């Protein structure tokens, strides 16, 4: 048996639908704020690894 789990294609499809619905609901300003927070989190992780 493989250690890697197969993803349920139905669950993947539902996830895509949810993501699209959320994107349409958010304003451009809200999407920008979410993206900025994600970038800060990524950089914070990178900086921790280097020190």
PDB file of N, CA and C in Angstrom:
ATOM      1  N   UNK A   1       0.817  -1.192   0.000  1.00  0.00           N
ATOM      2  CA  UNK A   1       0.000   0.000   0.000  1.00  0.00           C
ATOM      3  C   UNK A   1       0.862   1.258   0.000  1.00  0.00           C
ATOM      4  N   UNK A   2       0.386   2.282  -0.634  1.00  0.00           N
ATOM      5  CA  UNK A   2       1.121   3.534  -0.708  1.00  0.00           C
ATOM      6  C   UNK A   2       0.856   4.387   0.529  1.00  0.00           C
ATOM      7  N   UNK A   3       1.893   5.106   0.987  1.00  0.00           N
ATOM      8  CA  UNK A   3       1.736   5.996   2.128  1.00  0.00           C
ATOM      9  C   UNK A   3       0.970   7.260   1.735  1.00  0.00           C
ATOM     10  N   UNK A   4       0.985   7.574   0.458  1.00  0.00           N
ATOM     11  CA  UNK A   4       0.335   8.779  -0.017  1.00  0.00           C
ATOM     12  C   UNK A   4      -1.167   8.531  -0.172  1.00  0.00           C
ATOM     13  N   UNK A   5      -1.988   9.388   0.450  1.00  0.00           N
ATOM     14  CA  UNK A   5      -3.436   9.231   0.374  1.00  0.00           C
ATOM     15  C   UNK A   5      -3.954   9.875  -0.899  1.00  0.00           C
ATOM     16  N   UNK A   6      -4.896   9.215  -1.513  1.00  0.00           N
ATOM     17  CA  UNK A   6      -5.555   9.765  -2.693  1.00  0.00           C
ATOM     18  C   UNK A   6      -6.589  10.785  -2.238  1.00  0.00           C
ATOM     19  N   UNK A   7      -6.700  11.870  -2.968  1.00  0.00           N
ATOM     20  CA  UNK A   7      -7.707  12.880  -2.640  1.00  0.00           C
ATOM     21  C   UNK A   7      -9.026  12.483  -3.295  1.00  0.00           C
ATOM     22  N   UNK A   8     -10.091  12.734  -2.572  1.00  0.00           N
ATOM     23  CA  UNK A   8     -11.420  12.466  -3.098  1.00  0.00           C
ATOM     24  C   UNK A   8     -11.738  13.527  -4.151  1.00  0.00           C
ATOM     25  N   UNK A   9     -11.955  13.135  -5.404  1.00  0.00           N
ATOM     26  CA  UNK A   9     -12.201  14.125  -6.457  1.00  0.00           C
ATOM     27  C   UNK A   9     -13.447  14.972  -6.200  1.00  0.00           C
ATOM     28  N   UNK A  10     -14.448  14.388  -5.552  1.00  0.00           N
ATOM     29  CA  UNK A  10     -15.657  15.158  -5.237  1.00  0.00           C
ATOM     30  C   UNK A  10     -15.358  16.243  -4.217  1.00  0.00           C
ATOM     31  N   UNK A  11     -14.539  15.933  -3.231  1.00  0.00           N
ATOM     32  CA  UNK A  11     -14.169  16.920  -2.219  1.00  0.00           C
ATOM     33  C   UNK A  11     -13.335  18.034  -2.840  1.00  0.00           C
ATOM     34  N   UNK A  12     -12.462  17.684  -3.757  1.00  0.00           N
ATOM     35  CA  UNK A  12     -11.634  18.685  -4.443  1.00  0.00           C
ATOM     36  C   UNK A  12     -12.525  19.645  -5.227  1.00  0.00           C
ATOM     37  N   UNK A  13     -13.510  19.097  -5.930  1.00  0.00           N
ATOM     38  CA  UNK A  13     -14.426  19.924  -6.720  1.00  0.00           C
ATOM     39  C   UNK A  13     -15.224  20.866  -5.819  1.00  0.00           C
ATOM     40  N   UNK A  14     -15.694  20.358  -4.694  1.00  0.00           N
ATOM     41  CA  UNK A  14     -16.452  21.204  -3.768  1.00  0.00           C
ATOM     42  C   UNK A  14     -15.565  22.308  -3.196  1.00  0.00           C
ATOM     43  N   UNK A  15     -14.319  21.995  -2.927  1.00  0.00           N
ATOM     44  CA  UNK A  15     -13.388  23.000  -2.417  1.00  0.00           C
ATOM     45  C   UNK A  15     -13.175  24.119  -3.410  1.00  0.00           C
ATOM     46  N   UNK A  16     -13.097  23.760  -4.669  1.00  0.00           N
ATOM     47  CA  UNK A  16     -12.926  24.786  -5.709  1.00  0.00           C
ATOM     48  C   UNK A  16     -14.146  25.686  -5.774  1.00  0.00           C
ATOM     49  N   UNK A  17     -15.331  25.089  -5.656  1.00  0.00           N
ATOM     50  CA  UNK A  17     -16.554  25.889  -5.694  1.00  0.00           C
ATOM     51  C   UNK A  17     -16.601  26.854  -4.525  1.00  0.00           C
ATOM     52  N   UNK A  18     -16.217  26.381  -3.346  1.00  0.00           N
ATOM     53  CA  UNK A  18     -16.222  27.233  -2.160  1.00  0.00           C
ATOM     54  C   UNK A  18     -15.239  28.373  -2.284  1.00  0.00           C
ATOM     55  N   UNK A  19     -14.072  28.086  -2.836  1.00  0.00           N
ATOM     56  CA  UNK A  19     -13.053  29.125  -3.005  1.00  0.00           C
ATOM     57  C   UNK A  19     -13.538  30.198  -3.982  1.00  0.00           C
ATOM     58  N   UNK A  20     -14.179  29.770  -5.044  1.00  0.00           N
ATOM     59  CA  UNK A  20     -14.670  30.727  -6.035  1.00  0.00           C
ATOM     60  C   UNK A  20     -15.776  31.595  -5.434  1.00  0.00           C
ATOM     61  N   UNK A  21     -16.666  30.976  -4.661  1.00  0.00           N
ATOM     62  CA  UNK A  21     -17.750  31.732  -4.029  1.00  0.00           C
ATOM     63  C   UNK A  21     -17.184  32.753  -3.040  1.00  0.00           C
ATOM     64  N   UNK A  22     -16.169  32.356  -2.296  1.00  0.00           N
ATOM     65  CA  UNK A  22     -15.561  33.275  -1.323  1.00  0.00           C
ATOM     66  C   UNK A  22     -14.887  34.435  -2.047  1.00  0.00           C
ATOM     67  N   UNK A  23     -14.206  34.134  -3.147  1.00  0.00           N
ATOM     68  CA  UNK A  23     -13.522  35.177  -3.906  1.00  0.00           C
ATOM     69  C   UNK A  23     -14.521  36.205  -4.424  1.00  0.00           C
ATOM     70  N   UNK A  24     -15.650  35.739  -4.903  1.00  0.00           N
ATOM     71  CA  UNK A  24     -16.647  36.655  -5.455  1.00  0.00           C
ATOM     72  C   UNK A  24     -17.282  37.509  -4.359  1.00  0.00           C
ATOM     73  N   UNK A  25     -17.331  36.980  -3.150  1.00  0.00           N
ATOM     74  CA  UNK A  25     -17.964  37.683  -2.028  1.00  0.00           C
ATOM     75  C   UNK A  25     -17.062  38.786  -1.466  1.00  0.00           C
ATOM     76  N   UNK A  26     -15.741  38.589  -1.506  1.00  0.00           N
ATOM     77  CA  UNK A  26     -14.798  39.542  -0.921  1.00  0.00           C
ATOM     78  C   UNK A  26     -14.584  40.745  -1.838  1.00  0.00           C
ATOM     79  N   UNK A  27     -14.365  41.890  -1.207  1.00  0.00           N
ATOM     80  CA  UNK A  27     -14.039  43.086  -1.975  1.00  0.00           C
ATOM     81  C   UNK A  27     -12.554  43.028  -2.342  1.00  0.00           C
ATOM     82  N   UNK A  28     -12.141  43.783  -3.348  1.00  0.00           N
ATOM     83  CA  UNK A  28     -10.712  43.810  -3.690  1.00  0.00           C
ATOM     84  C   UNK A  28      -9.836  44.214  -2.505  1.00  0.00           C
ATOM     85  N   UNK A  29     -10.319  45.127  -1.675  1.00  0.00           N
ATOM     86  CA  UNK A  29      -9.549  45.555  -0.510  1.00  0.00           C
ATOM     87  C   UNK A  29      -9.377  44.395   0.485  1.00  0.00           C
ATOM     88  N   UNK A  30     -10.423  43.611   0.684  1.00  0.00           N
ATOM     89  CA  UNK A  30     -10.338  42.468   1.595  1.00  0.00           C
ATOM     90  C   UNK A  30      -9.373  41.418   1.051  1.00  0.00           C
ATOM     91  N   UNK A  31      -9.434  41.158  -0.247  1.00  0.00           N
ATOM     92  CA  UNK A  31      -8.512  40.187  -0.858  1.00  0.00           C
ATOM     93  C   UNK A  31      -7.072  40.654  -0.726  1.00  0.00           C
ATOM     94  N   UNK A  32      -6.834  41.951  -0.910  1.00  0.00           N
ATOM     95  CA  UNK A  32      -5.485  42.509  -0.788  1.00  0.00           C
ATOM     96  C   UNK A  32      -4.964  42.341   0.638  1.00  0.00           C
ATOM     97  N   UNK A  33      -5.816  42.596   1.626  1.00  0.00           N
ATOM     98  CA  UNK A  33      -5.428  42.470   3.023  1.00  0.00           C
ATOM     99  C   UNK A  33      -5.066  41.006   3.349  1.00  0.00           C
ATOM    100  N   UNK A  34      -5.858  40.068   2.865  1.00  0.00           N
ATOM    101  CA  UNK A  34      -5.583  38.647   3.086  1.00  0.00           C
ATOM    102  C   UNK A  34      -4.248  38.261   2.454  1.00  0.00           C
ATOM    103  N   UNK A  35      -4.004  38.738   1.237  1.00  0.00           N
ATOM    104  CA  UNK A  35      -2.747  38.431   0.540  1.00  0.00           C
ATOM    105  C   UNK A  35      -1.552  39.026   1.278  1.00  0.00           C
ATOM    106  N   UNK A  36      -1.688  40.246   1.770  1.00  0.00           N
ATOM    107  CA  UNK A  36      -0.593  40.883   2.511  1.00  0.00           C
ATOM    108  C   UNK A  36      -0.282  40.113   3.792  1.00  0.00           C
ATOM    109  N   UNK A  37      -1.315  39.659   4.492  1.00  0.00           N
ATOM    110  CA  UNK A  37      -1.100  38.875   5.710  1.00  0.00           C
ATOM    111  C   UNK A  37      -0.385  37.563   5.395  1.00  0.00           C
ATOM    112  N   UNK A  38      -0.752  36.949   4.279  1.00  0.00           N
ATOM    113  CA  UNK A  38      -0.114  35.687   3.879  1.00  0.00           C
ATOM    114  C   UNK A  38       1.363  35.909   3.565  1.00  0.00           C
ATOM    115  N   UNK A  39       1.668  36.989   2.881  1.00  0.00           N
ATOM    116  CA  UNK A  39       3.063  37.294   2.545  1.00  0.00           C
ATOM    117  C   UNK A  39       3.881  37.527   3.815  1.00  0.00           C
ATOM    118  N   UNK A  40       3.319  38.287   4.746  1.00  0.00           N
ATOM    119  CA  UNK A  40       4.024  38.526   6.013  1.00  0.00           C
ATOM    120  C   UNK A  40       4.291  37.224   6.758  1.00  0.00           C
ATOM    121  N   UNK A  41       3.298  36.335   6.750  1.00  0.00           N
ATOM    122  CA  UNK A  41       3.463  35.054   7.440  1.00  0.00           C
ATOM    123  C   UNK A  41       4.568  34.229   6.791  1.00  0.00           C
ATOM    124  N   UNK A  42       4.616  34.223   5.455  1.00  0.00           N
ATOM    125  CA  UNK A  42       5.658  33.467   4.745  1.00  0.00           C
ATOM    126  C   UNK A  42       7.044  34.025   5.041  1.00  0.00           C
ATOM    127  N   UNK A  43       7.169  35.342   5.005  1.00  0.00           N
ATOM    128  CA  UNK A  43       8.470  35.954   5.271  1.00  0.00           C
ATOM    129  C   UNK A  43       8.892  35.738   6.706  1.00  0.00           C
ATOM    130  N   UNK A  44       7.947  35.781   7.632  1.00  0.00           N
ATOM    131  CA  UNK A  44       8.272  35.548   9.039  1.00  0.00           C
ATOM    132  C   UNK A  44       8.825  34.134   9.221  1.00  0.00           C
ATOM    133  N   UNK A  45       8.236  33.176   8.518  1.00  0.00           N
ATOM    134  CA  UNK A  45       8.718  31.794   8.586  1.00  0.00           C
ATOM    135  C   UNK A  45      10.119  31.682   8.020  1.00  0.00           C
ATOM    136  N   UNK A  46      10.371  32.331   6.893  1.00  0.00           N
ATOM    137  CA  UNK A  46      11.680  32.290   6.245  1.00  0.00           C
ATOM    138  C   UNK A  46      12.748  32.901   7.143  1.00  0.00           C
ATOM    139  N   UNK A  47      12.416  34.027   7.757  1.00  0.00           N
ATOM    140  CA  UNK A  47      13.378  34.706   8.621  1.00  0.00           C
ATOM    141  C   UNK A  47      13.701  33.879   9.862  1.00  0.00           C
ATOM    142  N   UNK A  48      12.737  33.148  10.380  1.00  0.00           N
ATOM    143  CA  UNK A  48      12.987  32.302  11.554  1.00  0.00           C
ATOM    144  C   UNK A  48      13.949  31.184  11.217  1.00  0.00           C
ATOM    145  N   UNK A  49      13.834  30.617  10.026  1.00  0.00           N
ATOM    146  CA  UNK A  49      14.703  29.507   9.629  1.00  0.00           C
ATOM    147  C   UNK A  49      16.152  29.954   9.488  1.00  0.00           C
ATOM    148  N   UNK A  50      16.368  31.186   9.030  1.00  0.00           N
ATOM    149  CA  UNK A  50      17.734  31.672   8.794  1.00  0.00           C
ATOM    150  C   UNK A  50      18.472  32.013  10.075  1.00  0.00           C
ATOM    151  N   UNK A  51      17.755  32.365  11.131  1.00  0.00           N
ATOM    152  CA  UNK A  51      18.420  32.784  12.362  1.00  0.00           C
ATOM    153  C   UNK A  51      18.637  31.628  13.298  1.00  0.00           C
TER     154      UNK A  51
END
